[in-house]
Every structure is written in C-alpha cells, then in structure tokens.
Amino acid sequence: MSIKKILFGFLLIAFASVASVLFTIYKMQILTDNMLKIFIHPFQVNNAVAEIYSGVTVMDRDLKAAIHVHDMAHITENIRVLTEKTHREEERIEYNFAIIYENYQGDNHDIDDAYHAFIRWKTLVEQLITLLSQGKNHQANQLHNTKGIEAIEHFYQQNKVLNDFAVKEASEFHSFSVVNKSQLSVTFVLSLTLMLSGFITFYIVRTLIALNRTYQDQLYLLDQNILTATLTRDKKVVDISYALCRVLKLDREAVLNSVNEWFFTDKQQYLTFEQDILSGISISQEVNIRVEGQELWFNLEVIPESPKGGGVGIFNLFFNDITDKKLLEKLSITDNMTGLYNRNYFDSTFSRELRRAKRDEKLFSVVLLDIDFFKQYNDTYGHQEGDKALIAVAKVLSEQAKRSSDFAFRVGGEEFLILTNQKDFISLELFTLNVIHSVEALEIPHGPSTISEFLTVSAGAVQVSHEKDITAEEVYKLADELLYQAKSAGRNGMKSKALTLA
C-alpha cells in the first residue's frame, strides 16, 4: 500500500470522524435549543397571560360588586378600596405585559392588540369608578353592561391569541425535541464512524455521554413539570410524564402499557372529539377530571401523528391546568348563597339564549317565581331561617332545571327565574306546576301565610315561538306581569301564556 493511499485513508478517517462529531453536536444543539425554548417561551408567556387574565377578571368582579352597592354611608370607602385594588391589578398587568414583550416569539402586533384592548378596558374602568364616586350606579351599570362587556370580551379574545400561540409553540418544540427522528441518523453516523475510526472512539463516546446526560437532565425537568402523555391508536399508554401522574394521582408503573379508554377524561367528553382525533386533526378542548373527589379542569390538547403508511399512529396529549381559572369564572357568575346563577350572568345569558332558540327553531320558555309572603317569613323566623329557606328553594330549582339547556337564576332577594326549552305549552305548565308543588312539598313551616301552612311560591310562565318577533325585555316584562296575576289570584299557583306568530 503506497504512502499516498495510507495518507488518503487517514485523511478520509479523520474527515469522517470530524464530520460525524460536528453532525452530532449540531443535532444535539438543535434538540437542546428546542428544549430550552419550551421553558423560555411557554412558561414565561403562559404564566404572564394567565396573570393578566386573572387580574382583569378580578377587576371586573370588583366593579360588578361596587355597581350593585347602594349604601351611600360606605360609598366613599368602597370607592377608595376599589381604586386601590384596581391600581394594584393594573400595575401587575403592566408588569406581565412587559414579560410577554420580552419572551413572545410570535408577531408583536398580537401583543400590541392585546395591550390596546387592555388600555381600552382600563379607560372604561376609570369612567366607571368616576360614575360610582358620583353615586351614578345606574349609569355605571348601563355602561358596564354595554361597552364594558364588549371591551372585556374583546380583551379576552386578544389575550387568547397570545395564549394559543404560546401553547402551539410549546407543542411544536416538544414534538421536535421528544419525538424527533434525527436521533436515528445521529446513531447511524456514529456507528459508521466508530467502525472506521477506532482510535477516536474514546473521544466520541465521552462526548456522547456528556451530551446525553444534559439531554436526560432536560427530559427529567420536562417529565417533572409538563403534563403530557403519549398513546397509540388503540389507546395503549406508551409514555406519561411524572407531572401528569402526580396531578391525577396515578401509579406510573401501573398506567404504562395499559389501555386508557377515554384519554384520562370520561366517555361523554371523549366522544365529543373522537372523530376529529381519528381523522388526524389536532384539537383543543376544556375537560374536567375528578381526582379523589375533587373536580380539576384542564385545557386538553390532542395532537395525532401519522406514520408513513397513513392513518393515525399515536396521540400526544398536553394538559394545561385551568382549575383556578374555572373557579374564578364560577365565582363571577354564581350567587354565593344559593349556588344558582346570579343576576349578572342572567343579564348576559337571557338575550343570547332567546336568540339561540330562534336560530335553532325551538320554543323558548321563561318561568319567573317569587316566594309568597317572604317578608312575613323573615319577620317571624328571622333572616337566618330565611336564608335557609332560599337555599332550599334554590335546590328545588336546580334539580328541576337539570338539563344542559336549562338555566336557573336568583334574580332578586326572593325572586328566581328559569330559562328552559319545553317541547310544548302543556309541558311548560306541567314543568312549572311541578316546581311549585316541589317547593310546598319541602314542608317548610310558614305560620304567617294565609294560603298554606308551608312555604310556597307563585310563578309566571311564558313560552315564545321561534317565529314570534319579540325582545328579551318584552318576554321578561310579560313573565313579571303573569307573576303579579298569579299573586293576585291567591298565590301558590301560576299564570302562563304562549306567544305564537298569530
């Protein structure tokens, strides 16, 4: 063998060794960069977006509470406290916008739109506080229910753009880092290089061990902090993070290689997006999971992956805990005492449900109820017993309005309202009478009552055909008039009316 061939062979081995090392470092650096991006972008931006959402929600809740306070003796103090809390929340929101500007990897116009939406909301808040300080609660309520609702909904939409982009980036980085097939090419190149260049084996192995240790450390961090799992098409769990097992109280060893029929949700929730998943569409949906008796809420994102032959091979699941967010939403729309929906939620729901019934060509029904002689009940038994009576009546309404299309509200002190879709007018009357009889069947003693020895209610019921051109305000007014007629007719009964095209 000539010296030239020996030199050529040595140079060829040296080139292959250097090339393989550079190739390995390049691929590992890409993986490392993407792993770091998962922490820099999603964690920072998602947390900041959540803080902003929470801050605006708290401001809106406090404003609603202040609008409905009419005690002039404490109005100055209430405005002072509200102003201080609002300023603190605004500072916290400004701080979180700064974090988003620093870490957001998308189009900064998204942040600008969200920030301008917040400034719009902030300006409206200042106008509302000014009206409240002047004792103009009614004007403040009107402003809040019109421009206020429009401004906050616009803000939530812009805020959601930031959150959706962050989640999408996190999924892409995670998929590239964890599922990326470039590891196979690295292994192949290294194997060839080791066979051709034994004298550099030690150096390459040492380099791989160091890089692998770093990679495993980063995977460990992901495993401890990212709520994720991977399932095959037949729903066999091939991977699940320790973080998800910890949150759902699962035994990781028992879950791995087992079949999870409903993707850690339940059958009803799974069936709502099964078809999309099997067609290969990435979806995102809010789901609730009961863990040791506690209801947890998550934004579940399912990303199907298809093998080369087509179809769906595996599902990557990503969970984002939104339990606190759902709790805030619930607190903002429910009556603290009875657990029914409150007046604020009624104002935003009534018109929407009427429009939906007309769009779906369904009958829309309103049942307005009032407890008979409730003032005398309070005067006789005391307000504490009165509160117990309200809670008991609310429980009856909640049990009767149990369909997904039914809504039960407490709209006043002893006044309640149910929105329901009954199939015909007779069904509405039977439904209303059942509510009235169920309340009396509670057998809550009511000595001052002149119509029954027990607590009773009167009701006004209206059913509207989808063909009838009428506003929500007109429907409510008619239900109120019918309730008044039921009271005038002797109470513990109902008056009803059906509105048709004729």
Protein backbone atom coordinates (compact mmCIF):
# COMPACT_ATOMS: atom_id res chain seq x y z
CA MET A 1 0.00 0.00 0.00
CA SER A 2 1.52 3.34 -1.08
CA ILE A 3 2.11 6.19 1.30
CA LYS A 4 -0.38 8.25 -0.64
CA LYS A 5 -3.12 5.65 -0.05
CA ILE A 6 -2.24 5.46 3.62
CA LEU A 7 -2.37 9.24 3.89
CA PHE A 8 -5.60 9.28 1.89
CA GLY A 9 -7.15 6.63 4.15
CA PHE A 10 -6.03 8.50 7.27
CA LEU A 11 -7.42 11.78 5.92
CA LEU A 12 -10.67 10.01 4.98
CA ILE A 13 -10.99 8.58 8.51
CA ALA A 14 -10.12 11.96 10.05
CA PHE A 15 -12.68 13.73 7.85
CA ALA A 16 -15.38 11.18 8.69
CA SER A 17 -14.58 11.50 12.39
CA VAL A 18 -14.68 15.29 12.37
CA ALA A 19 -17.82 15.35 10.23
CA SER A 20 -19.60 12.88 12.50
CA VAL A 21 -18.65 14.84 15.60
CA LEU A 22 -19.83 18.13 14.09
CA PHE A 23 -23.04 16.47 12.86
CA THR A 24 -23.72 15.03 16.31
CA ILE A 25 -23.05 18.33 18.06
CA TYR A 26 -25.26 20.18 15.56
CA LYS A 27 -28.20 17.81 16.04
CA MET A 28 -27.85 17.75 19.80
CA GLN A 29 -27.61 21.55 19.88
CA ILE A 30 -30.89 21.80 17.96
CA LEU A 31 -32.53 19.45 20.44
CA THR A 32 -31.08 21.37 23.37
CA ASP A 33 -32.19 24.74 21.95
CA ASN A 34 -35.72 23.50 21.45
CA MET A 35 -35.84 22.06 24.96
CA LEU A 36 -34.75 25.44 26.35
CA LYS A 37 -37.32 27.26 24.23
CA ILE A 38 -40.06 25.22 25.87
CA PHE A 39 -39.13 26.78 29.21
CA ILE A 40 -38.28 30.30 27.98
CA HIS A 41 -41.36 30.87 25.83
CA PRO A 42 -44.36 28.82 27.05
CA PHE A 43 -43.72 29.06 30.78
CA GLN A 44 -42.98 32.78 30.78
CA VAL A 45 -45.71 33.79 28.32
CA ASN A 46 -48.41 31.38 29.54
CA ASN A 47 -47.90 32.40 33.16
CA ALA A 48 -47.97 36.10 32.23
CA VAL A 49 -51.13 35.65 30.12
CA ALA A 50 -52.79 33.78 33.00
CA GLU A 51 -51.82 36.57 35.43
CA ILE A 52 -53.26 39.21 33.07
CA TYR A 53 -56.50 37.23 32.62
CA SER A 54 -56.80 36.77 36.39
CA GLY A 55 -56.15 40.47 37.04
CA VAL A 56 -58.79 41.68 34.58
CA THR A 57 -61.29 39.12 35.93
CA VAL A 58 -60.72 40.32 39.49
CA MET A 59 -61.10 43.98 38.41
CA ASP A 60 -64.34 43.16 36.59
CA ARG A 61 -65.70 41.21 39.57
CA ASP A 62 -64.91 44.06 41.99
CA LEU A 63 -66.52 46.60 39.63
CA LYS A 64 -69.69 44.50 39.38
CA ALA A 65 -69.84 44.25 43.16
CA ALA A 66 -69.33 48.00 43.56
CA ILE A 67 -72.00 48.82 40.97
CA HIS A 68 -74.61 46.93 42.97
CA VAL A 69 -73.72 48.59 46.28
CA HIS A 70 -76.17 51.41 47.10
CA ASP A 71 -75.22 52.05 50.71
CA MET A 72 -74.25 55.71 50.48
CA ALA A 73 -72.84 55.64 54.01
CA HIS A 74 -69.98 53.46 52.83
CA ILE A 75 -69.72 54.52 49.18
CA THR A 76 -66.62 56.70 49.67
CA GLU A 77 -64.74 53.95 51.45
CA ASN A 78 -65.85 51.40 48.85
CA ILE A 79 -64.61 53.61 46.01
CA ARG A 80 -61.28 54.17 47.77
CA VAL A 81 -60.73 50.45 48.29
CA LEU A 82 -61.83 49.70 44.72
CA THR A 83 -59.46 52.33 43.31
CA GLU A 84 -56.51 50.98 45.30
CA LYS A 85 -57.19 47.39 44.25
CA THR A 86 -57.65 48.47 40.63
CA HIS A 87 -54.30 50.31 40.62
CA ARG A 88 -52.54 47.28 42.08
CA GLU A 89 -54.04 44.97 39.45
CA GLU A 90 -53.14 47.43 36.66
CA GLU A 91 -49.51 47.53 37.83
CA ARG A 92 -49.40 43.74 37.91
CA ILE A 93 -50.90 43.54 34.42
CA GLU A 94 -48.41 46.10 33.05
CA TYR A 95 -45.58 44.06 34.55
CA ASN A 96 -46.82 40.86 32.89
CA PHE A 97 -47.20 42.60 29.53
CA ALA A 98 -43.51 43.54 29.84
CA ILE A 99 -42.67 39.85 30.35
CA ILE A 100 -44.68 38.90 27.27
CA TYR A 101 -42.97 41.57 25.13
CA GLU A 102 -39.59 40.19 26.24
CA ASN A 103 -40.30 36.49 25.62
CA TYR A 104 -43.02 36.28 22.95
CA GLN A 105 -41.74 34.58 19.77
CA GLY A 106 -44.66 35.45 17.56
CA ASP A 107 -45.78 38.68 15.89
CA ASN A 108 -45.52 41.64 18.31
CA HIS A 109 -48.70 43.01 16.75
CA ASP A 110 -50.53 40.28 18.71
CA ILE A 111 -49.20 41.79 21.94
CA ASP A 112 -49.98 45.32 20.77
CA ASP A 113 -53.59 44.32 20.03
CA ALA A 114 -53.97 42.72 23.46
CA TYR A 115 -52.35 45.70 25.18
CA HIS A 116 -54.55 48.21 23.33
CA ALA A 117 -57.59 46.12 24.31
CA PHE A 118 -56.43 46.33 27.94
CA ILE A 119 -55.94 50.13 27.70
CA ARG A 120 -59.46 50.38 26.32
CA TRP A 121 -60.76 48.33 29.25
CA LYS A 122 -58.63 50.34 31.70
CA THR A 123 -60.07 53.62 30.38
CA LEU A 124 -63.59 52.25 30.77
CA VAL A 125 -62.80 51.18 34.35
CA GLU A 126 -61.75 54.74 35.16
CA GLN A 127 -65.05 56.04 33.73
CA LEU A 128 -66.99 53.51 35.80
CA ILE A 129 -65.16 54.43 39.01
CA THR A 130 -65.89 58.11 38.30
CA LEU A 131 -69.60 57.37 37.87
CA LEU A 132 -69.65 55.30 41.07
CA SER A 133 -67.91 58.04 43.03
CA GLN A 134 -70.68 60.38 41.87
CA GLY A 135 -73.32 57.92 43.05
CA LYS A 136 -74.44 57.18 39.48
CA ASN A 137 -74.70 53.43 39.92
CA HIS A 138 -77.44 53.06 37.32
CA GLN A 139 -75.40 54.82 34.62
CA ALA A 140 -72.36 52.78 35.64
CA ASN A 141 -74.36 49.56 35.34
CA GLN A 142 -75.61 50.53 31.88
CA LEU A 143 -72.10 51.43 30.73
CA HIS A 144 -70.70 48.19 32.10
CA ASN A 145 -73.40 46.03 30.51
CA THR A 146 -72.84 47.60 27.10
CA LYS A 147 -69.39 48.94 26.39
CA GLY A 148 -67.94 47.14 29.42
CA ILE A 149 -68.97 43.67 28.27
CA GLU A 150 -67.86 44.47 24.72
CA ALA A 151 -64.46 45.75 25.91
CA ILE A 152 -63.71 42.83 28.23
CA GLU A 153 -64.81 40.23 25.67
CA HIS A 154 -62.59 41.91 23.08
CA PHE A 155 -59.72 41.83 25.58
CA TYR A 156 -60.27 38.13 26.34
CA GLN A 157 -60.18 37.39 22.60
CA GLN A 158 -56.89 39.23 22.13
CA ASN A 159 -55.46 37.61 25.27
CA LYS A 160 -56.44 34.18 23.93
CA VAL A 161 -54.42 34.83 20.74
CA LEU A 162 -51.26 35.16 22.87
CA ASN A 163 -52.04 32.03 24.90
CA ASP A 164 -52.92 29.92 21.82
CA PHE A 165 -49.69 30.89 20.09
CA ALA A 166 -47.62 30.03 23.18
CA VAL A 167 -49.29 26.62 23.52
CA LYS A 168 -48.79 25.94 19.80
CA GLU A 169 -45.09 26.84 20.05
CA ALA A 170 -44.70 24.63 23.13
CA SER A 171 -46.26 21.69 21.30
CA GLU A 172 -44.03 22.17 18.26
CA PHE A 173 -40.88 22.47 20.37
CA HIS A 174 -41.86 19.47 22.48
CA SER A 175 -42.71 17.29 19.47
CA PHE A 176 -39.47 18.22 17.75
CA SER A 177 -37.39 17.61 20.88
CA VAL A 178 -39.01 14.42 22.17
CA VAL A 179 -40.33 12.70 19.06
CA ASN A 180 -37.78 13.97 16.52
CA LYS A 181 -36.35 11.14 14.38
CA SER A 182 -32.96 12.81 13.86
CA GLN A 183 -31.63 10.76 16.79
CA LEU A 184 -31.62 7.73 14.45
CA SER A 185 -29.40 9.48 11.95
CA VAL A 186 -27.03 10.51 14.74
CA THR A 187 -26.76 6.91 15.93
CA PHE A 188 -26.16 5.64 12.39
CA VAL A 189 -23.40 8.15 11.64
CA LEU A 190 -21.74 7.43 14.96
CA SER A 191 -21.83 3.68 14.33
CA LEU A 192 -20.10 4.06 10.94
CA THR A 193 -17.57 6.42 12.39
CA LEU A 194 -16.75 4.05 15.27
CA MET A 195 -16.17 1.17 12.81
CA LEU A 196 -13.89 3.29 10.58
CA SER A 197 -12.01 5.20 13.25
CA GLY A 198 -11.41 3.14 16.38
CA PHE A 199 -8.65 5.43 17.59
CA ILE A 200 -11.16 8.27 18.21
CA THR A 201 -13.76 6.04 19.91
CA PHE A 202 -12.97 7.23 23.41
CA TYR A 203 -13.36 10.89 22.50
CA ILE A 204 -16.69 10.35 20.70
CA VAL A 205 -18.13 8.16 23.49
CA ARG A 206 -17.11 10.68 26.11
CA THR A 207 -18.76 13.48 24.11
CA LEU A 208 -21.97 11.50 23.69
CA ILE A 209 -22.13 10.62 27.38
CA ALA A 210 -21.82 14.29 28.34
CA LEU A 211 -24.44 15.39 25.83
CA ASN A 212 -26.75 12.56 26.76
CA ARG A 213 -26.51 13.46 30.44
CA THR A 214 -27.55 17.02 29.63
CA TYR A 215 -30.37 15.77 27.43
CA GLN A 216 -31.61 13.39 30.11
CA ASP A 217 -31.49 16.17 32.68
CA GLN A 218 -33.67 18.31 30.44
CA LEU A 219 -36.05 15.41 29.82
CA TYR A 220 -36.24 14.93 33.58
CA LEU A 221 -37.22 18.57 34.01
CA LEU A 222 -39.91 18.14 31.36
CA ASP A 223 -41.09 14.93 32.98
CA GLN A 224 -41.42 16.71 36.32
CA ASN A 225 -43.20 19.80 35.01
CA ILE A 226 -45.06 19.13 31.74
CA LEU A 227 -48.45 17.38 31.92
CA THR A 228 -48.20 15.10 28.91
CA ALA A 229 -48.82 11.54 27.74
CA THR A 230 -48.47 9.53 24.52
CA LEU A 231 -50.97 6.84 23.46
CA THR A 232 -51.19 4.50 20.48
CA ARG A 233 -54.23 4.36 18.21
CA ASP A 234 -55.64 1.51 20.32
CA LYS A 235 -55.27 3.80 23.37
CA LYS A 236 -52.34 1.98 24.92
CA VAL A 237 -50.29 4.34 27.12
CA VAL A 238 -46.69 4.23 25.88
CA ASP A 239 -45.47 7.26 27.81
CA ILE A 240 -46.78 9.51 30.57
CA SER A 241 -44.98 12.26 32.48
CA TYR A 242 -44.44 12.05 36.20
CA ALA A 243 -46.03 15.50 36.48
CA LEU A 244 -49.32 14.23 34.98
CA CYS A 245 -49.27 11.14 37.23
CA ARG A 246 -48.72 13.38 40.24
CA VAL A 247 -51.65 15.68 39.37
CA LEU A 248 -54.06 12.83 38.52
CA LYS A 249 -52.88 10.66 41.47
CA LEU A 250 -51.85 7.79 39.17
CA ASP A 251 -49.29 4.99 39.62
CA ARG A 252 -46.97 5.46 36.69
CA GLU A 253 -45.85 1.84 36.51
CA ALA A 254 -49.47 0.66 36.58
CA VAL A 255 -50.53 3.13 33.86
CA LEU A 256 -47.70 2.45 31.39
CA ASN A 257 -48.64 -0.12 28.72
CA SER A 258 -52.23 -0.16 29.98
CA VAL A 259 -55.24 0.81 27.85
CA ASN A 260 -56.88 4.12 28.79
CA GLU A 261 -60.23 4.11 27.04
CA TRP A 262 -61.15 7.78 27.48
CA PHE A 263 -57.78 9.61 27.39
CA PHE A 264 -57.91 10.41 31.14
CA THR A 265 -61.29 12.20 30.72
CA ASP A 266 -64.61 10.34 30.58
CA LYS A 267 -66.72 8.75 27.86
CA GLN A 268 -69.02 11.74 27.26
CA GLN A 269 -66.14 14.22 26.95
CA TYR A 270 -64.08 11.88 24.76
CA LEU A 271 -66.93 11.21 22.32
CA THR A 272 -67.19 14.95 21.56
CA PHE A 273 -63.81 14.97 19.86
CA GLU A 274 -63.13 11.29 18.94
CA GLN A 275 -63.99 11.75 15.26
CA ASP A 276 -61.63 14.72 14.88
CA ILE A 277 -58.78 12.82 16.53
CA LEU A 278 -59.17 9.73 14.34
CA SER A 279 -59.23 11.94 11.24
CA GLY A 280 -55.83 13.31 12.22
CA ILE A 281 -56.95 16.79 13.33
CA SER A 282 -55.22 18.46 16.26
CA ILE A 283 -57.83 19.65 18.72
CA SER A 284 -58.01 21.59 21.97
CA GLN A 285 -60.87 21.35 24.45
CA GLU A 286 -61.61 22.09 28.09
CA VAL A 287 -62.25 18.92 30.12
CA ASN A 288 -62.98 18.25 33.77
CA ILE A 289 -61.49 15.30 35.67
CA ARG A 290 -62.45 14.17 39.15
CA VAL A 291 -59.39 13.29 41.24
CA GLU A 292 -60.09 11.86 44.70
CA GLY A 293 -63.44 13.66 44.85
CA GLN A 294 -62.04 17.00 43.63
CA GLU A 295 -63.01 18.41 40.22
CA LEU A 296 -60.00 19.61 38.24
CA TRP A 297 -60.23 21.48 34.91
CA PHE A 298 -57.69 21.22 32.10
CA ASN A 299 -57.26 22.51 28.58
CA LEU A 300 -56.54 19.21 26.82
CA GLU A 301 -54.71 19.43 23.51
CA VAL A 302 -54.55 16.26 21.43
CA ILE A 303 -52.02 16.12 18.57
CA PRO A 304 -52.33 12.98 16.42
CA GLU A 305 -49.28 11.78 14.47
CA SER A 306 -49.48 9.71 11.31
CA PRO A 307 -46.96 7.04 10.25
CA LYS A 308 -45.66 6.89 6.69
CA GLY A 309 -48.39 4.46 5.68
CA GLY A 310 -51.11 6.98 6.59
CA GLY A 311 -53.79 6.92 9.29
CA VAL A 312 -53.19 7.83 12.90
CA GLY A 313 -50.29 6.21 14.74
CA ILE A 314 -50.00 7.86 18.14
CA PHE A 315 -51.67 10.65 20.10
CA ASN A 316 -49.68 13.25 22.02
CA LEU A 317 -51.71 14.69 24.89
CA PHE A 318 -50.89 18.01 26.56
CA PHE A 319 -52.76 19.15 29.68
CA ASN A 320 -52.84 22.74 30.93
CA ASP A 321 -54.33 23.10 34.43
CA ILE A 322 -57.07 25.77 34.31
CA THR A 323 -58.80 24.84 37.58
CA ASP A 324 -58.15 28.26 39.13
CA LYS A 325 -59.44 29.99 36.02
CA LYS A 326 -62.65 27.93 36.03
CA LEU A 327 -63.10 28.67 39.75
CA LEU A 328 -62.84 32.39 39.06
CA GLU A 329 -65.36 32.06 36.24
CA LYS A 330 -67.76 30.18 38.52
CA LEU A 331 -67.42 32.76 41.30
CA SER A 332 -68.18 35.57 38.86
CA ILE A 333 -71.45 34.06 37.57
CA THR A 334 -72.98 32.32 40.62
CA ASP A 335 -74.93 33.54 43.62
CA ASN A 336 -72.84 32.97 46.73
CA MET A 337 -75.73 31.89 48.96
CA THR A 338 -77.80 29.61 46.72
CA GLY A 339 -75.28 28.41 44.15
CA LEU A 340 -77.62 29.37 41.30
CA TYR A 341 -76.51 31.68 38.52
CA ASN A 342 -76.54 35.33 39.61
CA ARG A 343 -78.20 38.43 38.13
CA ASN A 344 -75.07 39.48 36.22
CA TYR A 345 -74.95 36.15 34.39
CA PHE A 346 -78.69 36.37 33.76
CA ASP A 347 -78.24 39.73 32.05
CA SER A 348 -75.65 38.26 29.67
CA THR A 349 -77.48 34.96 29.12
CA PHE A 350 -81.15 35.88 28.62
CA SER A 351 -80.87 37.62 25.24
CA ARG A 352 -78.31 35.11 23.98
CA GLU A 353 -80.49 32.09 24.77
CA LEU A 354 -83.55 33.72 23.21
CA ARG A 355 -81.58 34.32 20.00
CA ARG A 356 -80.28 30.75 20.08
CA ALA A 357 -83.80 29.32 20.44
CA LYS A 358 -84.95 31.36 17.44
CA ARG A 359 -81.93 30.28 15.42
CA ASP A 360 -82.46 26.60 16.30
CA GLU A 361 -86.24 26.96 15.80
CA LYS A 362 -87.07 25.84 19.33
CA LEU A 363 -89.61 27.01 21.87
CA PHE A 364 -88.13 29.36 24.44
CA SER A 365 -89.67 29.39 27.92
CA VAL A 366 -89.26 31.69 30.92
CA VAL A 367 -90.55 30.87 34.41
CA LEU A 368 -90.41 33.74 36.92
CA LEU A 369 -91.01 32.70 40.56
CA ASP A 370 -91.41 34.56 43.83
CA ILE A 371 -91.69 33.17 47.38
CA ASP A 372 -95.09 34.00 48.86
CA PHE A 373 -95.17 36.31 51.92
CA PHE A 374 -91.39 36.07 52.30
CA LYS A 375 -91.12 39.34 54.22
CA GLN A 376 -93.51 37.99 56.85
CA TYR A 377 -91.49 34.77 56.93
CA ASN A 378 -88.30 36.72 57.67
CA ASP A 379 -90.04 38.87 60.26
CA THR A 380 -91.38 35.76 62.04
CA TYR A 381 -88.46 33.32 61.84
CA GLY A 382 -85.50 35.63 61.34
CA HIS A 383 -83.16 36.23 58.42
CA GLN A 384 -81.03 33.18 59.19
CA GLU A 385 -84.01 30.89 58.66
CA GLY A 386 -84.95 33.00 55.65
CA ASP A 387 -81.56 32.27 54.11
CA LYS A 388 -82.07 28.55 54.74
CA ALA A 389 -85.44 28.75 53.00
CA LEU A 390 -83.87 30.49 49.98
CA ILE A 391 -81.22 27.77 49.74
CA ALA A 392 -83.87 25.04 49.94
CA VAL A 393 -85.97 26.63 47.18
CA ALA A 394 -82.85 27.11 45.05
CA LYS A 395 -82.06 23.41 45.42
CA VAL A 396 -85.50 22.53 44.06
CA LEU A 397 -84.98 24.82 41.07
CA SER A 398 -81.53 23.36 40.43
CA GLU A 399 -82.92 19.81 40.49
CA GLN A 400 -85.76 20.72 38.11
CA ALA A 401 -83.57 22.68 35.68
CA LYS A 402 -81.02 19.92 35.30
CA ARG A 403 -80.79 19.64 31.51
CA SER A 404 -77.85 21.23 29.72
CA SER A 405 -80.26 23.67 28.00
CA ASP A 406 -81.84 24.79 31.32
CA PHE A 407 -80.63 27.71 33.43
CA ALA A 408 -81.76 28.62 36.96
CA PHE A 409 -81.07 32.12 38.37
CA ARG A 410 -81.61 34.06 41.54
CA VAL A 411 -82.55 37.45 40.12
CA GLY A 412 -83.65 39.21 43.32
CA GLY A 413 -84.00 38.76 47.06
CA GLU A 414 -86.70 36.06 46.96
CA GLU A 415 -87.20 36.10 43.18
CA PHE A 416 -85.95 33.32 40.90
CA LEU A 417 -86.05 32.64 37.17
CA ILE A 418 -85.68 29.55 34.99
CA LEU A 419 -84.86 29.53 31.26
CA THR A 420 -85.91 26.26 29.65
CA ASN A 421 -86.79 24.70 26.30
CA GLN A 422 -90.01 22.71 26.77
CA LYS A 423 -91.43 20.84 23.78
CA ASP A 424 -94.90 22.44 24.03
CA PHE A 425 -97.05 24.71 26.18
CA ILE A 426 -98.57 21.85 28.20
CA SER A 427 -95.09 20.63 29.07
CA LEU A 428 -94.21 24.13 30.28
CA GLU A 429 -97.29 24.29 32.51
CA LEU A 430 -96.59 20.83 33.94
CA PHE A 431 -92.95 21.78 34.49
CA THR A 432 -93.95 24.98 36.33
CA LEU A 433 -96.59 23.24 38.46
CA ASN A 434 -94.06 20.56 39.38
CA VAL A 435 -91.68 23.27 40.62
CA ILE A 436 -94.47 24.92 42.66
CA HIS A 437 -95.59 21.62 44.21
CA SER A 438 -91.98 20.55 44.89
CA VAL A 439 -91.40 23.73 46.91
CA GLU A 440 -94.52 23.19 49.01
CA ALA A 441 -93.52 19.53 49.43
CA LEU A 442 -90.43 20.71 51.30
CA GLU A 443 -92.87 21.34 54.17
CA ILE A 444 -91.03 24.39 55.46
CA PRO A 445 -93.38 25.79 58.14
CA HIS A 446 -94.81 29.25 57.31
CA GLY A 447 -97.16 30.36 60.08
CA PRO A 448 -97.92 33.86 58.76
CA SER A 449 -99.01 32.51 55.35
CA THR A 450 -102.75 32.73 54.63
CA ILE A 451 -102.67 30.16 51.82
CA SER A 452 -100.73 27.21 53.24
CA GLU A 453 -99.09 26.08 56.42
CA PHE A 454 -95.89 25.61 54.43
CA LEU A 455 -93.65 27.88 52.36
CA THR A 456 -94.97 28.32 48.80
CA VAL A 457 -94.11 30.11 45.56
CA SER A 458 -96.06 31.81 42.78
CA ALA A 459 -94.99 31.75 39.15
CA GLY A 460 -95.47 33.47 35.82
CA ALA A 461 -94.56 31.35 32.78
CA VAL A 462 -94.12 32.49 29.16
CA GLN A 463 -93.42 30.34 26.11
CA VAL A 464 -92.21 32.05 22.91
CA SER A 465 -92.35 30.54 19.44
CA HIS A 466 -89.23 30.97 17.33
CA GLU A 467 -91.44 32.69 14.76
CA LYS A 468 -92.51 35.39 17.23
CA ASP A 469 -90.68 38.71 16.88
CA ILE A 470 -90.14 39.84 20.48
CA THR A 471 -87.27 41.13 22.58
CA ALA A 472 -85.85 39.63 25.76
CA GLU A 473 -87.04 42.68 27.72
CA GLU A 474 -90.61 42.18 26.49
CA VAL A 475 -90.55 38.50 27.43
CA TYR A 476 -89.29 39.30 30.92
CA LYS A 477 -91.91 42.02 31.39
CA LEU A 478 -94.69 39.65 30.37
CA ALA A 479 -93.44 36.96 32.79
CA ASP A 480 -93.40 39.58 35.55
CA GLU A 481 -96.99 40.60 34.74
CA LEU A 482 -98.11 36.97 34.83
CA LEU A 483 -96.39 36.51 38.19
CA TYR A 484 -98.28 39.52 39.52
CA GLN A 485 -101.53 37.98 38.26
CA ALA A 486 -100.69 34.68 39.99
CA LYS A 487 -100.16 36.54 43.26
CA SER A 488 -103.40 38.47 42.84
CA ALA A 489 -105.27 35.23 42.15
CA GLY A 490 -104.36 33.81 45.54
CA ARG A 491 -100.68 32.76 45.27
CA ASN A 492 -99.22 29.24 45.40
CA GLY A 493 -100.10 28.95 41.74
CA MET A 494 -99.18 30.09 38.27
CA LYS A 495 -100.31 32.13 35.32
CA SER A 496 -98.96 31.24 31.90
CA LYS A 497 -99.11 32.39 28.29
CA ALA A 498 -97.88 31.14 24.93
CA LEU A 499 -96.69 33.65 22.33
CA THR A 500 -97.06 32.44 18.75
CA LEU A 501 -96.90 34.09 15.34
CA ALA A 502 -100.66 34.53 15.24
